[in-house]
Amino acid sequence: MLLKRQYDIPVGWEPQRAPDGMLTNPLPVQSLSLKHTGTHPEQNFSRRLVETGLIEGWVSMSQGTLVVHTDEEDLKYTIVRMPGIYCCHCAAKLDDDATGASGRAHMHTMHADTASPDTTNPAGFRQTHAYECVLDAEQHATWQVGTGEKVRLPYRKAR
């Protein structure tokens, strides 16, 4: 997915920075411009991106749907999985606890003596930090990157 934030720049605005270089007077986002939705309808949104979008008004959530509001169209994503801890056997959402106690209790009660179906998560449960979503099929067909088309990714300086 490629979105471009459009900022509302007031007349005479000058950036002000803290000693560490962070911007202390960020510009408000006026809108988002949609370039494409990528090559697949599946999209993971980080908690930080969703929270920022909710605060700035270009994301909304309701009844299992995450909507990204763009100038071109509101993109409707079905939320498949929210951030949290999930069972690899039955996909049940488990209590979020940093110690893993709820995951171990669920494994002992519901899936005792059964190997995890996910070899990357041998304990039988996994944690996701993203909103795992799927874009509406018609919208993805309209806005996806065309086959054979080169996708120009933003340059990121190596650290």
C-alpha atoms as a PDB file:
ATOM      1  CA  MET A   1       0.000   0.000   0.000  1.00  0.00           C
ATOM      2  CA  LEU A   2       1.246   3.450  -0.811  1.00  0.00           C
ATOM      3  CA  LEU A   3      -0.402   6.484   0.776  1.00  0.00           C
ATOM      4  CA  LYS A   4       0.786  10.079   0.813  1.00  0.00           C
ATOM      5  CA  ARG A   5      -0.180  12.408   3.638  1.00  0.00           C
ATOM      6  CA  GLN A   6      -1.331  15.870   2.544  1.00  0.00           C
ATOM      7  CA  TYR A   7      -0.580  18.464   5.229  1.00  0.00           C
ATOM      8  CA  ASP A   8      -2.404  21.683   6.050  1.00  0.00           C
ATOM      9  CA  ILE A   9       0.482  24.183   6.079  1.00  0.00           C
ATOM     10  CA  PRO A  10      -0.435  27.492   7.728  1.00  0.00           C
ATOM     11  CA  VAL A  11       1.024  30.702   6.289  1.00  0.00           C
ATOM     12  CA  GLY A  12       4.319  31.516   7.990  1.00  0.00           C
ATOM     13  CA  TRP A  13       4.757  28.061   9.567  1.00  0.00           C
ATOM     14  CA  GLU A  14       8.344  27.260  10.474  1.00  0.00           C
ATOM     15  CA  PRO A  15       9.449  23.910  11.906  1.00  0.00           C
ATOM     16  CA  GLN A  16      10.536  23.940  15.544  1.00  0.00           C
ATOM     17  CA  ARG A  17      12.691  21.134  16.846  1.00  0.00           C
ATOM     18  CA  ALA A  18      13.667  19.816  20.254  1.00  0.00           C
ATOM     19  CA  PRO A  19      17.373  19.320  21.045  1.00  0.00           C
ATOM     20  CA  ASP A  20      17.081  15.670  19.953  1.00  0.00           C
ATOM     21  CA  GLY A  21      15.792  16.764  16.515  1.00  0.00           C
ATOM     22  CA  MET A  22      12.145  15.786  17.033  1.00  0.00           C
ATOM     23  CA  LEU A  23       9.596  18.171  15.525  1.00  0.00           C
ATOM     24  CA  THR A  24       7.697  19.974  18.302  1.00  0.00           C
ATOM     25  CA  ASN A  25       5.072  21.670  16.128  1.00  0.00           C
ATOM     26  CA  PRO A  26       3.930  18.981  13.646  1.00  0.00           C
ATOM     27  CA  LEU A  27       1.577  19.931  10.856  1.00  0.00           C
ATOM     28  CA  PRO A  28      -1.994  18.613  10.912  1.00  0.00           C
ATOM     29  CA  VAL A  29      -2.811  16.013   8.251  1.00  0.00           C
ATOM     30  CA  GLN A  30      -5.409  17.438   5.879  1.00  0.00           C
ATOM     31  CA  SER A  31      -6.021  14.252   3.885  1.00  0.00           C
ATOM     32  CA  LEU A  32      -4.431  11.123   2.407  1.00  0.00           C
ATOM     33  CA  SER A  33      -3.772  10.516  -1.273  1.00  0.00           C
ATOM     34  CA  LEU A  34      -3.960   6.863  -2.392  1.00  0.00           C
ATOM     35  CA  LYS A  35      -1.374   5.657  -4.898  1.00  0.00           C
ATOM     36  CA  HIS A  36      -2.055   1.889  -4.752  1.00  0.00           C
ATOM     37  CA  THR A  37      -3.044  -0.927  -2.379  1.00  0.00           C
ATOM     38  CA  GLY A  38      -0.079  -3.169  -3.164  1.00  0.00           C
ATOM     39  CA  THR A  39       0.000  -6.595  -4.751  1.00  0.00           C
ATOM     40  CA  HIS A  40      -2.123  -8.508  -2.203  1.00  0.00           C
ATOM     41  CA  PRO A  41      -5.375  -7.603  -0.416  1.00  0.00           C
ATOM     42  CA  GLU A  42      -3.893  -8.658   2.945  1.00  0.00           C
ATOM     43  CA  GLN A  43      -2.400  -5.808   4.960  1.00  0.00           C
ATOM     44  CA  ASN A  44      -0.953  -5.608   8.463  1.00  0.00           C
ATOM     45  CA  PHE A  45      -1.315  -2.262  10.238  1.00  0.00           C
ATOM     46  CA  SER A  46       0.856  -1.550  13.272  1.00  0.00           C
ATOM     47  CA  ARG A  47      -0.791  -0.392  16.481  1.00  0.00           C
ATOM     48  CA  ARG A  48       1.098   2.896  16.199  1.00  0.00           C
ATOM     49  CA  LEU A  49      -0.166   3.562  12.671  1.00  0.00           C
ATOM     50  CA  VAL A  50      -3.774   2.783  13.632  1.00  0.00           C
ATOM     51  CA  GLU A  51      -3.602   4.909  16.792  1.00  0.00           C
ATOM     52  CA  THR A  52      -2.054   7.819  14.861  1.00  0.00           C
ATOM     53  CA  GLY A  53      -4.683   7.502  12.133  1.00  0.00           C
ATOM     54  CA  LEU A  54      -7.499   7.470  14.698  1.00  0.00           C
ATOM     55  CA  ILE A  55      -6.123  10.593  16.399  1.00  0.00           C
ATOM     56  CA  GLU A  56      -5.542  12.424  13.096  1.00  0.00           C
ATOM     57  CA  GLY A  57      -8.932  11.330  11.712  1.00  0.00           C
ATOM     58  CA  TRP A  58      -7.893   9.347   8.630  1.00  0.00           C
ATOM     59  CA  VAL A  59      -8.666   5.937  10.187  1.00  0.00           C
ATOM     60  CA  SER A  60     -11.901   4.754  11.762  1.00  0.00           C
ATOM     61  CA  MET A  61     -12.933   1.380  13.176  1.00  0.00           C
ATOM     62  CA  SER A  62     -16.388  -0.119  13.616  1.00  0.00           C
ATOM     63  CA  GLN A  63     -17.900  -3.604  13.785  1.00  0.00           C
ATOM     64  CA  GLY A  64     -14.796  -5.534  12.727  1.00  0.00           C
ATOM     65  CA  THR A  65     -13.863  -3.109   9.966  1.00  0.00           C
ATOM     66  CA  LEU A  66     -10.902  -0.749   9.753  1.00  0.00           C
ATOM     67  CA  VAL A  67     -11.482   2.101   7.295  1.00  0.00           C
ATOM     68  CA  VAL A  68      -8.659   4.197   5.823  1.00  0.00           C
ATOM     69  CA  HIS A  69     -10.131   7.485   4.576  1.00  0.00           C
ATOM     70  CA  THR A  70      -8.375   8.742   1.422  1.00  0.00           C
ATOM     71  CA  ASP A  71      -9.156  11.502  -1.069  1.00  0.00           C
ATOM     72  CA  GLU A  72      -9.950   8.889  -3.698  1.00  0.00           C
ATOM     73  CA  GLU A  73     -12.050   6.402  -1.705  1.00  0.00           C
ATOM     74  CA  ASP A  74     -12.581   4.993   1.792  1.00  0.00           C
ATOM     75  CA  LEU A  75     -10.691   1.685   1.896  1.00  0.00           C
ATOM     76  CA  LYS A  76     -12.615  -0.936   3.889  1.00  0.00           C
ATOM     77  CA  TYR A  77     -10.504  -3.621   5.540  1.00  0.00           C
ATOM     78  CA  THR A  78     -12.001  -6.581   7.416  1.00  0.00           C
ATOM     79  CA  ILE A  79     -10.072  -7.105  10.649  1.00  0.00           C
ATOM     80  CA  VAL A  80      -9.037 -10.765  10.725  1.00  0.00           C
ATOM     81  CA  ARG A  81      -6.988 -10.526  13.903  1.00  0.00           C
ATOM     82  CA  MET A  82      -6.354  -7.672  16.334  1.00  0.00           C
ATOM     83  CA  PRO A  83      -3.131  -7.279  18.313  1.00  0.00           C
ATOM     84  CA  GLY A  84      -2.963  -9.887  21.048  1.00  0.00           C
ATOM     85  CA  ILE A  85      -2.157 -13.500  21.903  1.00  0.00           C
ATOM     86  CA  TYR A  86      -3.768 -16.322  19.880  1.00  0.00           C
ATOM     87  CA  CYS A  87      -3.864 -20.125  20.075  1.00  0.00           C
ATOM     88  CA  CYS A  88      -2.126 -21.835  17.139  1.00  0.00           C
ATOM     89  CA  HIS A  89      -4.488 -24.834  17.452  1.00  0.00           C
ATOM     90  CA  CYS A  90      -7.963 -23.243  17.560  1.00  0.00           C
ATOM     91  CA  ALA A  91      -7.172 -19.548  16.806  1.00  0.00           C
ATOM     92  CA  ALA A  92      -8.899 -18.462  20.038  1.00  0.00           C
ATOM     93  CA  LYS A  93      -7.899 -15.046  21.375  1.00  0.00           C
ATOM     94  CA  LEU A  94      -6.267 -15.531  24.754  1.00  0.00           C
ATOM     95  CA  ASP A  95      -5.857 -13.119  27.643  1.00  0.00           C
ATOM     96  CA  ASP A  96      -3.025 -10.685  27.002  1.00  0.00           C
ATOM     97  CA  ASP A  97      -0.376 -11.192  29.643  1.00  0.00           C
ATOM     98  CA  ALA A  98       3.338 -10.661  29.313  1.00  0.00           C
ATOM     99  CA  THR A  99       4.222 -13.814  31.267  1.00  0.00           C
ATOM    100  CA  GLY A 100       2.440 -16.258  28.911  1.00  0.00           C
ATOM    101  CA  ALA A 101       0.525 -17.805  31.831  1.00  0.00           C
ATOM    102  CA  SER A 102      -2.852 -17.584  30.075  1.00  0.00           C
ATOM    103  CA  GLY A 103      -1.413 -19.221  26.942  1.00  0.00           C
ATOM    104  CA  ARG A 104       0.114 -22.074  28.940  1.00  0.00           C
ATOM    105  CA  ALA A 105      -3.144 -22.559  30.874  1.00  0.00           C
ATOM    106  CA  HIS A 106      -5.132 -22.706  27.618  1.00  0.00           C
ATOM    107  CA  MET A 107      -2.674 -25.247  26.142  1.00  0.00           C
ATOM    108  CA  HIS A 108      -2.881 -27.411  29.279  1.00  0.00           C
ATOM    109  CA  THR A 109      -6.698 -27.312  29.388  1.00  0.00           C
ATOM    110  CA  MET A 110      -7.638 -27.465  25.711  1.00  0.00           C
ATOM    111  CA  HIS A 111      -4.686 -29.000  23.834  1.00  0.00           C
ATOM    112  CA  ALA A 112      -2.750 -31.111  26.354  1.00  0.00           C
ATOM    113  CA  ASP A 113      -0.139 -33.471  24.896  1.00  0.00           C
ATOM    114  CA  THR A 114      -0.627 -32.050  21.384  1.00  0.00           C
ATOM    115  CA  ALA A 115       2.326 -30.628  19.476  1.00  0.00           C
ATOM    116  CA  SER A 116       1.941 -27.103  18.178  1.00  0.00           C
ATOM    117  CA  PRO A 117       0.795 -26.958  14.543  1.00  0.00           C
ATOM    118  CA  ASP A 118       3.081 -23.943  14.099  1.00  0.00           C
ATOM    119  CA  THR A 119       6.760 -24.930  14.309  1.00  0.00           C
ATOM    120  CA  THR A 120       7.800 -21.280  14.765  1.00  0.00           C
ATOM    121  CA  ASN A 121       5.649 -21.128  17.925  1.00  0.00           C
ATOM    122  CA  PRO A 122       6.323 -24.426  19.742  1.00  0.00           C
ATOM    123  CA  ALA A 123       4.453 -23.285  22.880  1.00  0.00           C
ATOM    124  CA  GLY A 124       1.206 -23.481  20.848  1.00  0.00           C
ATOM    125  CA  PHE A 125       0.314 -19.787  21.027  1.00  0.00           C
ATOM    126  CA  ARG A 126       1.598 -16.671  19.304  1.00  0.00           C
ATOM    127  CA  GLN A 127       1.505 -12.929  19.807  1.00  0.00           C
ATOM    128  CA  THR A 128       0.757 -10.433  17.071  1.00  0.00           C
ATOM    129  CA  HIS A 129       1.402  -6.709  17.410  1.00  0.00           C
ATOM    130  CA  ALA A 130      -0.498  -5.744  14.252  1.00  0.00           C
ATOM    131  CA  TYR A 131      -4.040  -5.447  13.003  1.00  0.00           C
ATOM    132  CA  GLU A 132      -4.137  -8.247  10.418  1.00  0.00           C
ATOM    133  CA  CYS A 133      -6.652  -7.175   7.773  1.00  0.00           C
ATOM    134  CA  VAL A 134      -7.978  -7.989   4.299  1.00  0.00           C
ATOM    135  CA  LEU A 135      -9.090  -5.281   1.849  1.00  0.00           C
ATOM    136  CA  ASP A 136     -12.464  -5.521   0.110  1.00  0.00           C
ATOM    137  CA  ALA A 137     -11.874  -7.551  -3.104  1.00  0.00           C
ATOM    138  CA  GLU A 138     -13.472  -4.992  -5.466  1.00  0.00           C
ATOM    139  CA  GLN A 139     -11.455  -2.149  -3.981  1.00  0.00           C
ATOM    140  CA  HIS A 140      -8.236  -4.128  -4.247  1.00  0.00           C
ATOM    141  CA  ALA A 141      -8.985  -4.985  -7.892  1.00  0.00           C
ATOM    142  CA  THR A 142      -9.426  -1.268  -8.582  1.00  0.00           C
ATOM    143  CA  TRP A 143      -6.379   0.025  -6.693  1.00  0.00           C
ATOM    144  CA  GLN A 144      -3.811  -2.821  -6.765  1.00  0.00           C
ATOM    145  CA  VAL A 145      -0.410  -2.513  -8.379  1.00  0.00           C
ATOM    146  CA  GLY A 146      -0.702  -3.745 -11.969  1.00  0.00           C
ATOM    147  CA  THR A 147       1.142  -6.870 -13.057  1.00  0.00           C
ATOM    148  CA  GLY A 148       4.526  -6.088 -14.519  1.00  0.00           C
ATOM    149  CA  GLU A 149       4.417  -2.572 -13.092  1.00  0.00           C
ATOM    150  CA  LYS A 150       7.433  -1.566 -11.032  1.00  0.00           C
ATOM    151  CA  VAL A 151       6.686  -0.357  -7.532  1.00  0.00           C
ATOM    152  CA  ARG A 152       8.914   2.531  -6.478  1.00  0.00           C
ATOM    153  CA  LEU A 153       9.588   2.228  -2.780  1.00  0.00           C
ATOM    154  CA  PRO A 154      10.649   5.222  -0.712  1.00  0.00           C
ATOM    155  CA  TYR A 155      14.385   5.470  -0.117  1.00  0.00           C
ATOM    156  CA  ARG A 156      15.451   4.680   3.417  1.00  0.00           C
ATOM    157  CA  LYS A 157      18.895   5.595   4.621  1.00  0.00           C
ATOM    158  CA  ALA A 158      20.769   2.656   6.175  1.00  0.00           C
ATOM    159  CA  ARG A 159      21.572   3.044   9.848  1.00  0.00           C
END
